[in-house]
PDB file of N, CA and C in Angstrom:
ATOM      1  N   MET A   1      28.520   8.695   8.723  1.00  0.00           N
ATOM      2  CA  MET A   1      28.310   9.957   8.094  1.00  0.00           C
ATOM      3  C   MET A   1      26.960  10.527   8.528  1.00  0.00           C
ATOM      4  N   ASN A   2      26.943  11.753   8.987  1.00  0.00           N
ATOM      5  CA  ASN A   2      25.704  12.419   9.367  1.00  0.00           C
ATOM      6  C   ASN A   2      25.114  13.107   8.142  1.00  0.00           C
ATOM      7  N   ARG A   3      23.847  12.896   7.942  1.00  0.00           N
ATOM      8  CA  ARG A   3      23.152  13.534   6.827  1.00  0.00           C
ATOM      9  C   ARG A   3      22.101  14.455   7.398  1.00  0.00           C
ATOM     10  N   LYS A   4      22.011  15.644   6.851  1.00  0.00           N
ATOM     11  CA  LYS A   4      20.980  16.584   7.271  1.00  0.00           C
ATOM     12  C   LYS A   4      19.675  16.232   6.582  1.00  0.00           C
ATOM     13  N   VAL A   5      18.586  16.437   7.292  1.00  0.00           N
ATOM     14  CA  VAL A   5      17.265  16.186   6.740  1.00  0.00           C
ATOM     15  C   VAL A   5      16.529  17.513   6.664  1.00  0.00           C
ATOM     16  N   ALA A   6      15.980  17.810   5.505  1.00  0.00           N
ATOM     17  CA  ALA A   6      15.169  19.012   5.326  1.00  0.00           C
ATOM     18  C   ALA A   6      13.771  18.571   4.909  1.00  0.00           C
ATOM     19  N   ILE A   7      12.771  19.125   5.584  1.00  0.00           N
ATOM     20  CA  ILE A   7      11.384  18.825   5.244  1.00  0.00           C
ATOM     21  C   ILE A   7      10.702  20.141   4.921  1.00  0.00           C
ATOM     22  N   THR A   8      10.106  20.205   3.725  1.00  0.00           N
ATOM     23  CA  THR A   8       9.356  21.401   3.346  1.00  0.00           C
ATOM     24  C   THR A   8       7.998  20.963   2.822  1.00  0.00           C
ATOM     25  N   TYR A   9       7.039  21.849   2.999  1.00  0.00           N
ATOM     26  CA  TYR A   9       5.682  21.565   2.556  1.00  0.00           C
ATOM     27  C   TYR A   9       5.164  22.767   1.782  1.00  0.00           C
ATOM     28  N   ASP A  10       4.718  22.524   0.562  1.00  0.00           N
ATOM     29  CA  ASP A  10       4.111  23.557  -0.269  1.00  0.00           C
ATOM     30  C   ASP A  10       2.603  23.405  -0.118  1.00  0.00           C
ATOM     31  N   ARG A  11       2.017  24.278   0.686  1.00  0.00           N
ATOM     32  CA  ARG A  11       0.588  24.180   1.005  1.00  0.00           C
ATOM     33  C   ARG A  11      -0.274  24.377  -0.248  1.00  0.00           C
ATOM     34  N   ASP A  12       0.104  25.317  -1.105  1.00  0.00           N
ATOM     35  CA  ASP A  12      -0.698  25.585  -2.301  1.00  0.00           C
ATOM     36  C   ASP A  12      -0.725  24.382  -3.244  1.00  0.00           C
ATOM     37  N   ALA A  13       0.410  23.725  -3.411  1.00  0.00           N
ATOM     38  CA  ALA A  13       0.490  22.564  -4.298  1.00  0.00           C
ATOM     39  C   ALA A  13       0.184  21.256  -3.566  1.00  0.00           C
ATOM     40  N   ASP A  14       0.130  21.306  -2.235  1.00  0.00           N
ATOM     41  CA  ASP A  14      -0.070  20.129  -1.376  1.00  0.00           C
ATOM     42  C   ASP A  14       0.989  19.059  -1.665  1.00  0.00           C
ATOM     43  N   VAL A  15       2.256  19.510  -1.652  1.00  0.00           N
ATOM     44  CA  VAL A  15       3.388  18.629  -1.908  1.00  0.00           C
ATOM     45  C   VAL A  15       4.372  18.735  -0.752  1.00  0.00           C
ATOM     46  N   MET A  16       4.799  17.583  -0.242  1.00  0.00           N
ATOM     47  CA  MET A  16       5.803  17.529   0.821  1.00  0.00           C
ATOM     48  C   MET A  16       7.097  17.018   0.220  1.00  0.00           C
ATOM     49  N   TYR A  17       8.181  17.702   0.586  1.00  0.00           N
ATOM     50  CA  TYR A  17       9.520  17.312   0.134  1.00  0.00           C
ATOM     51  C   TYR A  17      10.353  16.947   1.353  1.00  0.00           C
ATOM     52  N   LEU A  18      10.992  15.814   1.324  1.00  0.00           N
ATOM     53  CA  LEU A  18      11.924  15.409   2.368  1.00  0.00           C
ATOM     54  C   LEU A  18      13.245  15.137   1.658  1.00  0.00           C
ATOM     55  N   SER A  19      14.292  15.858   2.060  1.00  0.00           N
ATOM     56  CA  SER A  19      15.581  15.724   1.387  1.00  0.00           C
ATOM     57  C   SER A  19      16.671  15.427   2.398  1.00  0.00           C
ATOM     58  N   PHE A  20      17.561  14.500   2.024  1.00  0.00           N
ATOM     59  CA  PHE A  20      18.701  14.158   2.860  1.00  0.00           C
ATOM     60  C   PHE A  20      19.944  14.938   2.465  1.00  0.00           C
ATOM     61  N   ASP A  21      19.982  15.390   1.222  1.00  0.00           N
ATOM     62  CA  ASP A  21      21.108  16.190   0.761  1.00  0.00           C
ATOM     63  C   ASP A  21      20.675  16.954  -0.478  1.00  0.00           C
ATOM     64  N   ASP A  22      21.576  17.781  -1.020  1.00  0.00           N
ATOM     65  CA  ASP A  22      21.249  18.628  -2.165  1.00  0.00           C
ATOM     66  C   ASP A  22      21.696  18.029  -3.494  1.00  0.00           C
ATOM     67  N   ALA A  23      21.940  16.757  -3.526  1.00  0.00           N
ATOM     68  CA  ALA A  23      22.423  16.114  -4.749  1.00  0.00           C
ATOM     69  C   ALA A  23      21.367  16.173  -5.849  1.00  0.00           C
ATOM     70  N   LYS A  24      21.834  16.231  -7.086  1.00  0.00           N
ATOM     71  CA  LYS A  24      20.913  16.112  -8.204  1.00  0.00           C
ATOM     72  C   LYS A  24      20.400  14.684  -8.189  1.00  0.00           C
ATOM     73  N   ALA A  25      19.094  14.544  -8.310  1.00  0.00           N
ATOM     74  CA  ALA A  25      18.509  13.221  -8.104  1.00  0.00           C
ATOM     75  C   ALA A  25      17.559  12.838  -9.225  1.00  0.00           C
ATOM     76  N   GLU A  26      17.422  11.551  -9.388  1.00  0.00           N
ATOM     77  CA  GLU A  26      16.442  10.954 -10.287  1.00  0.00           C
ATOM     78  C   GLU A  26      15.317  10.417  -9.413  1.00  0.00           C
ATOM     79  N   ALA A  27      14.094  10.491  -9.913  1.00  0.00           N
ATOM     80  CA  ALA A  27      12.958  10.050  -9.106  1.00  0.00           C
ATOM     81  C   ALA A  27      12.315   8.803  -9.693  1.00  0.00           C
ATOM     82  N   ASP A  28      11.927   7.905  -8.795  1.00  0.00           N
ATOM     83  CA  ASP A  28      11.152   6.717  -9.149  1.00  0.00           C
ATOM     84  C   ASP A  28       9.835   6.805  -8.396  1.00  0.00           C
ATOM     85  N   GLU A  29       8.721   6.650  -9.106  1.00  0.00           N
ATOM     86  CA  GLU A  29       7.425   6.639  -8.429  1.00  0.00           C
ATOM     87  C   GLU A  29       7.249   5.268  -7.799  1.00  0.00           C
ATOM     88  N   ILE A  30       7.222   5.235  -6.462  1.00  0.00           N
ATOM     89  CA  ILE A  30       7.160   3.957  -5.747  1.00  0.00           C
ATOM     90  C   ILE A  30       5.742   3.606  -5.324  1.00  0.00           C
ATOM     91  N   GLU A  31       4.871   4.577  -5.392  1.00  0.00           N
ATOM     92  CA  GLU A  31       3.456   4.418  -5.074  1.00  0.00           C
ATOM     93  C   GLU A  31       2.780   5.606  -5.740  1.00  0.00           C
ATOM     94  N   ASP A  32       1.490   5.546  -5.962  1.00  0.00           N
ATOM     95  CA  ASP A  32       0.796   6.639  -6.631  1.00  0.00           C
ATOM     96  C   ASP A  32       1.077   7.970  -5.926  1.00  0.00           C
ATOM     97  N   GLY A  33       1.771   8.872  -6.613  1.00  0.00           N
ATOM     98  CA  GLY A  33       2.058  10.193  -6.062  1.00  0.00           C
ATOM     99  C   GLY A  33       3.192  10.254  -5.061  1.00  0.00           C
ATOM    100  N   VAL A  34       3.899   9.145  -4.855  1.00  0.00           N
ATOM    101  CA  VAL A  34       5.032   9.104  -3.919  1.00  0.00           C
ATOM    102  C   VAL A  34       6.291   8.762  -4.715  1.00  0.00           C
ATOM    103  N   PHE A  35       7.255   9.679  -4.650  1.00  0.00           N
ATOM    104  CA  PHE A  35       8.482   9.517  -5.422  1.00  0.00           C
ATOM    105  C   PHE A  35       9.679   9.410  -4.495  1.00  0.00           C
ATOM    106  N   ALA A  36      10.497   8.396  -4.718  1.00  0.00           N
ATOM    107  CA  ALA A  36      11.783   8.278  -4.030  1.00  0.00           C
ATOM    108  C   ALA A  36      12.812   8.897  -4.966  1.00  0.00           C
ATOM    109  N   ARG A  37      13.634   9.794  -4.418  1.00  0.00           N
ATOM    110  CA  ARG A  37      14.655  10.437  -5.235  1.00  0.00           C
ATOM    111  C   ARG A  37      16.019   9.865  -4.873  1.00  0.00           C
ATOM    112  N   TYR A  38      16.788   9.505  -5.898  1.00  0.00           N
ATOM    113  CA  TYR A  38      18.094   8.881  -5.714  1.00  0.00           C
ATOM    114  C   TYR A  38      19.177   9.748  -6.355  1.00  0.00           C
ATOM    115  N   ASP A  39      20.298   9.893  -5.653  1.00  0.00           N
ATOM    116  CA  ASP A  39      21.454  10.603  -6.189  1.00  0.00           C
ATOM    117  C   ASP A  39      21.869   9.907  -7.474  1.00  0.00           C
ATOM    118  N   HIS A  40      21.934  10.652  -8.576  1.00  0.00           N
ATOM    119  CA  HIS A  40      22.224  10.002  -9.855  1.00  0.00           C
ATOM    120  C   HIS A  40      23.661   9.525  -9.968  1.00  0.00           C
ATOM    121  N   LYS A  41      24.560  10.016  -9.121  1.00  0.00           N
ATOM    122  CA  LYS A  41      25.955   9.559  -9.153  1.00  0.00           C
ATOM    123  C   LYS A  41      26.182   8.327  -8.287  1.00  0.00           C
ATOM    124  N   THR A  42      25.607   8.318  -7.090  1.00  0.00           N
ATOM    125  CA  THR A  42      25.889   7.238  -6.140  1.00  0.00           C
ATOM    126  C   THR A  42      24.763   6.209  -6.022  1.00  0.00           C
ATOM    127  N   GLY A  43      23.561   6.580  -6.426  1.00  0.00           N
ATOM    128  CA  GLY A  43      22.420   5.688  -6.272  1.00  0.00           C
ATOM    129  C   GLY A  43      21.818   5.716  -4.877  1.00  0.00           C
ATOM    130  N   ARG A  44      22.395   6.523  -3.982  1.00  0.00           N
ATOM    131  CA  ARG A  44      21.869   6.618  -2.607  1.00  0.00           C
ATOM    132  C   ARG A  44      20.551   7.372  -2.572  1.00  0.00           C
ATOM    133  N   LEU A  45      19.695   6.991  -1.645  1.00  0.00           N
ATOM    134  CA  LEU A  45      18.426   7.677  -1.455  1.00  0.00           C
ATOM    135  C   LEU A  45      18.706   9.120  -1.056  1.00  0.00           C
ATOM    136  N   ALA A  46      18.140  10.067  -1.808  1.00  0.00           N
ATOM    137  CA  ALA A  46      18.366  11.487  -1.550  1.00  0.00           C
ATOM    138  C   ALA A  46      17.144  12.162  -0.945  1.00  0.00           C
ATOM    139  N   GLY A  47      15.978  11.513  -1.025  1.00  0.00           N
ATOM    140  CA  GLY A  47      14.784  12.106  -0.436  1.00  0.00           C
ATOM    141  C   GLY A  47      13.513  11.551  -1.035  1.00  0.00           C
ATOM    142  N   PHE A  48      12.413  12.221  -0.691  1.00  0.00           N
ATOM    143  CA  PHE A  48      11.089  11.833  -1.144  1.00  0.00           C
ATOM    144  C   PHE A  48      10.307  13.064  -1.556  1.00  0.00           C
ATOM    145  N   THR A  49       9.388  12.871  -2.469  1.00  0.00           N
ATOM    146  CA  THR A  49       8.402  13.883  -2.820  1.00  0.00           C
ATOM    147  C   THR A  49       7.049  13.191  -2.741  1.00  0.00           C
ATOM    148  N   ILE A  50       6.109  13.811  -2.032  1.00  0.00           N
ATOM    149  CA  ILE A  50       4.781  13.219  -1.890  1.00  0.00           C
ATOM    150  C   ILE A  50       3.754  14.233  -2.369  1.00  0.00           C
ATOM    151  N   ILE A  51       3.082  13.890  -3.468  1.00  0.00           N
ATOM    152  CA  ILE A  51       2.057  14.740  -4.059  1.00  0.00           C
ATOM    153  C   ILE A  51       0.717  14.428  -3.390  1.00  0.00           C
ATOM    154  N   ASN A  52      -0.120  15.471  -3.212  1.00  0.00           N
ATOM    155  CA  ASN A  52      -1.402  15.338  -2.500  1.00  0.00           C
ATOM    156  C   ASN A  52      -1.170  14.826  -1.081  1.00  0.00           C
ATOM    157  N   PHE A  53      -0.173  15.399  -0.438  1.00  0.00           N
ATOM    158  CA  PHE A  53       0.256  14.952   0.887  1.00  0.00           C
ATOM    159  C   PHE A  53      -0.888  14.930   1.897  1.00  0.00           C
ATOM    160  N   SER A  54      -1.641  16.013   2.006  1.00  0.00           N
ATOM    161  CA  SER A  54      -2.687  16.069   3.042  1.00  0.00           C
ATOM    162  C   SER A  54      -3.766  15.018   2.802  1.00  0.00           C
ATOM    163  N   LYS A  55      -4.070  14.719   1.564  1.00  0.00           N
ATOM    164  CA  LYS A  55      -5.077  13.705   1.264  1.00  0.00           C
ATOM    165  C   LYS A  55      -4.575  12.306   1.603  1.00  0.00           C
ATOM    166  N   LYS A  56      -3.285  12.071   1.400  1.00  0.00           N
ATOM    167  CA  LYS A  56      -2.720  10.748   1.668  1.00  0.00           C
ATOM    168  C   LYS A  56      -2.556  10.479   3.167  1.00  0.00           C
ATOM    169  N   PHE A  57      -2.266  11.515   3.945  1.00  0.00           N
ATOM    170  CA  PHE A  57      -1.903  11.298   5.346  1.00  0.00           C
ATOM    171  C   PHE A  57      -2.850  11.934   6.353  1.00  0.00           C
ATOM    172  N   ALA A  58      -3.924  12.561   5.906  1.00  0.00           N
ATOM    173  CA  ALA A  58      -4.837  13.235   6.831  1.00  0.00           C
ATOM    174  C   ALA A  58      -5.643  12.240   7.663  1.00  0.00           C
ATOM    175  N   ARG A  59      -6.001  11.123   7.077  1.00  0.00           N
ATOM    176  CA  ARG A  59      -6.876  10.178   7.760  1.00  0.00           C
ATOM    177  C   ARG A  59      -6.155   9.368   8.831  1.00  0.00           C
ATOM    178  N   LYS A  60      -5.057   8.777   8.490  1.00  0.00           N
ATOM    179  CA  LYS A  60      -4.315   7.970   9.451  1.00  0.00           C
ATOM    180  C   LYS A  60      -2.893   7.780   8.940  1.00  0.00           C
ATOM    181  N   PRO A  61      -1.968   7.482   9.806  1.00  0.00           N
ATOM    182  CA  PRO A  61      -0.592   7.242   9.357  1.00  0.00           C
ATOM    183  C   PRO A  61      -0.556   6.062   8.396  1.00  0.00           C
ATOM    184  N   ARG A  62       0.355   6.143   7.442  1.00  0.00           N
ATOM    185  CA  ARG A  62       0.501   5.073   6.466  1.00  0.00           C
ATOM    186  C   ARG A  62       1.934   4.600   6.441  1.00  0.00           C
ATOM    187  N   GLU A  63       2.089   3.399   6.006  1.00  0.00           N
ATOM    188  CA  GLU A  63       3.418   2.843   5.814  1.00  0.00           C
ATOM    189  C   GLU A  63       3.701   2.845   4.322  1.00  0.00           C
ATOM    190  N   ILE A  64       4.853   3.367   3.953  1.00  0.00           N
ATOM    191  CA  ILE A  64       5.282   3.358   2.555  1.00  0.00           C
ATOM    192  C   ILE A  64       6.542   2.518   2.478  1.00  0.00           C
ATOM    193  N   LEU A  65       6.521   1.507   1.642  1.00  0.00           N
ATOM    194  CA  LEU A  65       7.676   0.646   1.468  1.00  0.00           C
ATOM    195  C   LEU A  65       8.583   1.222   0.384  1.00  0.00           C
ATOM    196  N   ILE A  66       9.861   1.343   0.680  1.00  0.00           N
ATOM    197  CA  ILE A  66      10.824   1.880  -0.256  1.00  0.00           C
ATOM    198  C   ILE A  66      11.657   0.745  -0.819  1.00  0.00           C
ATOM    199  N   PRO A  67      11.582   0.524  -2.126  1.00  0.00           N
ATOM    200  CA  PRO A  67      12.389  -0.550  -2.705  1.00  0.00           C
ATOM    201  C   PRO A  67      13.870  -0.187  -2.692  1.00  0.00           C
ATOM    202  N   ALA A  68      14.708  -1.139  -2.366  1.00  0.00           N
ATOM    203  CA  ALA A  68      16.154  -0.909  -2.346  1.00  0.00           C
ATOM    204  C   ALA A  68      16.680  -0.970  -3.768  1.00  0.00           C
ATOM    205  N   ARG A  69      17.558  -0.057  -4.070  1.00  0.00           N
ATOM    206  CA  ARG A  69      18.208  -0.081  -5.382  1.00  0.00           C
ATOM    207  C   ARG A  69      19.475  -0.901  -5.276  1.00  0.00           C
ATOM    208  N   THR A  70      19.754  -1.647  -6.311  1.00  0.00           N
ATOM    209  CA  THR A  70      20.992  -2.428  -6.327  1.00  0.00           C
ATOM    210  C   THR A  70      21.846  -2.039  -7.495  1.00  0.00           C
TER     211      THR A  70
END
């Protein structure tokens, strides 16, 4: 199955959104200011929201570990 990826950035709020689909999702904070969003019907990863994006990623690339839902 091909999933579309949409990436948007709100410069005023300094928030980056990465979405795989338009499903209604529940969010889990997986790291300070980093939220993994999961489709509430299927449990599949639906995207990410990263608050204070420029502060988190301006210095150097980071690795964020995403916990698997079971």
